[in-house]
């Protein structure tokens, strides 16, 4: 029996420095797919594992080519409140 050829897909991830140290990393294209790591490298390794688990959980519902649009928006930052 022939096995299915695995496809490789790149996902955009966001990393944020955590207040307690390390990084929190998320995948915008996969809602709820989040991980963390003590270092940049560890955070990326952990999110790779999280993505693999996320995709495995989707099973037959997996649509890795679903369209996701990531863009920038600009907003005015509110001034801090003035306390009298």
C-alpha atoms as a PDB file:
ATOM      1  CA  UNK A   1       0.000   0.000   0.000  1.00  0.00           C
ATOM      2  CA  UNK A   2       1.433   3.374  -1.007  1.00  0.00           C
ATOM      3  CA  UNK A   3       1.542   6.084   1.630  1.00  0.00           C
ATOM      4  CA  UNK A   4       0.334   9.602   0.992  1.00  0.00           C
ATOM      5  CA  UNK A   5       3.028  12.113   0.160  1.00  0.00           C
ATOM      6  CA  UNK A   6       3.332  14.698   2.911  1.00  0.00           C
ATOM      7  CA  UNK A   7       3.013  18.312   1.935  1.00  0.00           C
ATOM      8  CA  UNK A   8       5.073  21.028   3.598  1.00  0.00           C
ATOM      9  CA  UNK A   9       3.372  24.338   4.326  1.00  0.00           C
ATOM     10  CA  UNK A  10       4.811  27.502   5.823  1.00  0.00           C
ATOM     11  CA  UNK A  11       2.773  29.378   8.416  1.00  0.00           C
ATOM     12  CA  UNK A  12       3.314  32.919   9.574  1.00  0.00           C
ATOM     13  CA  UNK A  13       3.766  33.070  13.350  1.00  0.00           C
ATOM     14  CA  UNK A  14       3.913  35.981  15.780  1.00  0.00           C
ATOM     15  CA  UNK A  15       6.284  36.030  18.737  1.00  0.00           C
ATOM     16  CA  UNK A  16       5.866  38.310  21.730  1.00  0.00           C
ATOM     17  CA  UNK A  17       8.286  38.695  24.584  1.00  0.00           C
ATOM     18  CA  UNK A  18       6.511  37.498  27.710  1.00  0.00           C
ATOM     19  CA  UNK A  19       6.607  39.653  30.849  1.00  0.00           C
ATOM     20  CA  UNK A  20       7.964  36.730  32.862  1.00  0.00           C
ATOM     21  CA  UNK A  21      10.630  36.054  30.227  1.00  0.00           C
ATOM     22  CA  UNK A  22      10.703  33.915  27.120  1.00  0.00           C
ATOM     23  CA  UNK A  23       8.273  34.169  24.236  1.00  0.00           C
ATOM     24  CA  UNK A  24       4.624  33.519  23.474  1.00  0.00           C
ATOM     25  CA  UNK A  25       4.041  32.421  19.883  1.00  0.00           C
ATOM     26  CA  UNK A  26       0.777  32.215  17.910  1.00  0.00           C
ATOM     27  CA  UNK A  27      -0.311  31.163  14.425  1.00  0.00           C
ATOM     28  CA  UNK A  28      -2.856  33.670  13.024  1.00  0.00           C
ATOM     29  CA  UNK A  29      -4.029  31.188  10.372  1.00  0.00           C
ATOM     30  CA  UNK A  30      -4.835  28.551  13.016  1.00  0.00           C
ATOM     31  CA  UNK A  31      -7.101  30.094  15.675  1.00  0.00           C
ATOM     32  CA  UNK A  32      -6.142  28.938  19.152  1.00  0.00           C
ATOM     33  CA  UNK A  33      -2.787  27.510  18.079  1.00  0.00           C
ATOM     34  CA  UNK A  34      -0.438  29.006  20.657  1.00  0.00           C
ATOM     35  CA  UNK A  35       2.723  27.971  22.464  1.00  0.00           C
ATOM     36  CA  UNK A  36       5.665  29.428  24.340  1.00  0.00           C
ATOM     37  CA  UNK A  37       9.324  28.917  25.008  1.00  0.00           C
ATOM     38  CA  UNK A  38      12.110  30.212  27.205  1.00  0.00           C
ATOM     39  CA  UNK A  39      14.117  31.224  24.122  1.00  0.00           C
ATOM     40  CA  UNK A  40      13.321  32.246  20.549  1.00  0.00           C
ATOM     41  CA  UNK A  41      14.527  28.875  19.274  1.00  0.00           C
ATOM     42  CA  UNK A  42      12.557  26.905  21.865  1.00  0.00           C
ATOM     43  CA  UNK A  43       9.398  28.904  21.110  1.00  0.00           C
ATOM     44  CA  UNK A  44       9.717  28.111  17.387  1.00  0.00           C
ATOM     45  CA  UNK A  45      10.348  24.411  18.074  1.00  0.00           C
ATOM     46  CA  UNK A  46       7.320  24.310  20.382  1.00  0.00           C
ATOM     47  CA  UNK A  47       5.025  26.029  17.887  1.00  0.00           C
ATOM     48  CA  UNK A  48       6.074  23.544  15.193  1.00  0.00           C
ATOM     49  CA  UNK A  49       4.902  20.752  17.522  1.00  0.00           C
ATOM     50  CA  UNK A  50       1.691  22.668  18.290  1.00  0.00           C
ATOM     51  CA  UNK A  51       0.963  23.190  14.573  1.00  0.00           C
ATOM     52  CA  UNK A  52       1.494  19.482  13.859  1.00  0.00           C
ATOM     53  CA  UNK A  53      -0.878  18.527  16.688  1.00  0.00           C
ATOM     54  CA  UNK A  54      -3.433  21.139  15.568  1.00  0.00           C
ATOM     55  CA  UNK A  55      -3.411  19.858  11.989  1.00  0.00           C
ATOM     56  CA  UNK A  56      -3.634  16.215  13.129  1.00  0.00           C
ATOM     57  CA  UNK A  57      -6.676  17.097  15.253  1.00  0.00           C
ATOM     58  CA  UNK A  58      -8.406  18.620  12.205  1.00  0.00           C
ATOM     59  CA  UNK A  59      -8.117  15.316  10.346  1.00  0.00           C
ATOM     60  CA  UNK A  60     -10.507  15.242   7.389  1.00  0.00           C
ATOM     61  CA  UNK A  61     -11.519  18.854   8.028  1.00  0.00           C
ATOM     62  CA  UNK A  62      -7.986  20.017   7.231  1.00  0.00           C
ATOM     63  CA  UNK A  63      -7.854  22.672   4.525  1.00  0.00           C
ATOM     64  CA  UNK A  64      -4.244  23.864   4.636  1.00  0.00           C
ATOM     65  CA  UNK A  65      -4.775  26.158   1.665  1.00  0.00           C
ATOM     66  CA  UNK A  66      -7.678  28.113   3.204  1.00  0.00           C
ATOM     67  CA  UNK A  67      -7.240  31.788   2.417  1.00  0.00           C
ATOM     68  CA  UNK A  68      -5.937  33.901   5.277  1.00  0.00           C
ATOM     69  CA  UNK A  69      -5.246  37.595   4.847  1.00  0.00           C
ATOM     70  CA  UNK A  70      -2.747  39.215   7.175  1.00  0.00           C
ATOM     71  CA  UNK A  71      -2.308  42.954   6.911  1.00  0.00           C
ATOM     72  CA  UNK A  72      -1.459  45.989   8.977  1.00  0.00           C
ATOM     73  CA  UNK A  73      -3.860  48.602  10.293  1.00  0.00           C
ATOM     74  CA  UNK A  74      -2.977  51.961  11.784  1.00  0.00           C
ATOM     75  CA  UNK A  75      -4.800  53.399  14.794  1.00  0.00           C
ATOM     76  CA  UNK A  76      -4.433  56.417  17.039  1.00  0.00           C
ATOM     77  CA  UNK A  77      -3.201  55.475  20.489  1.00  0.00           C
ATOM     78  CA  UNK A  78      -5.407  57.068  23.151  1.00  0.00           C
ATOM     79  CA  UNK A  79      -3.717  59.502  25.515  1.00  0.00           C
ATOM     80  CA  UNK A  80      -3.373  58.235  29.086  1.00  0.00           C
ATOM     81  CA  UNK A  81      -6.072  59.515  31.425  1.00  0.00           C
ATOM     82  CA  UNK A  82      -5.293  62.683  33.344  1.00  0.00           C
ATOM     83  CA  UNK A  83      -5.831  62.327  37.071  1.00  0.00           C
ATOM     84  CA  UNK A  84      -6.568  65.514  38.997  1.00  0.00           C
END
